[in-house]
Amino acid sequence: MLALAARAQGVITFEHTDHDFGKVPEGTMATYEFKFKNTGNQPIVIANAQASCGCTTPDWTKTPILPGKMGMIKAVYNSAGRPGVFAKTVTVSSNATESSKVLSLKGQVLTKEEIRATLTPAQLAASPRLVLERASYDFGRVEAGQSPVARIAIKNTGPKDLVLSTITAPCYCVGYRTVPAPIKPGQSAIVELVYTQRNVGADTQEIKLASNDLNGDAKLTLKANVVKDLVPTSLVKESNASVPFK
């Protein structure tokens, strides 16, 4: 009976334990699902999936995987700002006979310039196309630490859905208020950019909006006059004394 109990355990059997993304356009969230089957005789519970770096985000089947059933480990690699060759791992911990299993990911992130050099004019013409309504936006006077929002119209003049990804700003002080939805061909959408500059003084930031437009990233100049405090009330003279404006 003890020998039978010792053999009663889940067995995690992966279809593949490594994946090559090949060439990935910079800015892409490269995603792959490692699928596995429980070939043992007891349920398998995945306790954790730990990536080797913060640029890779794992997810996994959270419910017990019964004998004969399938589960998955999903890995998402954020290629934004990471051109070049990459090799990452995800370590899976479970109650299976092999309690720790290492999955491997690799690939090469290409900049849009590198990709564009390999494309024909017809392929470029088939790309989504990001067109900004304006080249710059001025916030005016802004109190340091506040988070004003710029509402910018973007049009997709290409034949495929336009998907916005990351924002690059020298100050690391600009981001999307919410994740923008894909923009259909010929359609326009308003995106909201949150500005959180804390340094006082005149500020100019040239930001880049990355997307799946193979023609390149869009550039937008943001300007602001960042002050320590905005005057909360106006003052008028009354009987030789300053009082709040009524």
Foldseek 3Di string as FASTA:
>chain_A
DVVVVVQQFWAKAWPAQEDEPAEAEALDFDKDKTKIAGQGQAWKAWPDKAKPDPQKDKDWDHDTHHHGGMIIIMITGHRHPPAFKDKMWIWIAMRGPPRIDIGIYIYGYDYLVVVVVPDDPVVLQQFWDKDWPDQEDEPEEDEAQDKDKDKTKIATQGQAWKAWGFKDKPVVFKGWPDHDDIAHHGGMDITIIIGRHRDAAKDKIWMWIDIRNSVGTRIHIYIYHYDNDDPPFDWDDDPNDTDGDD
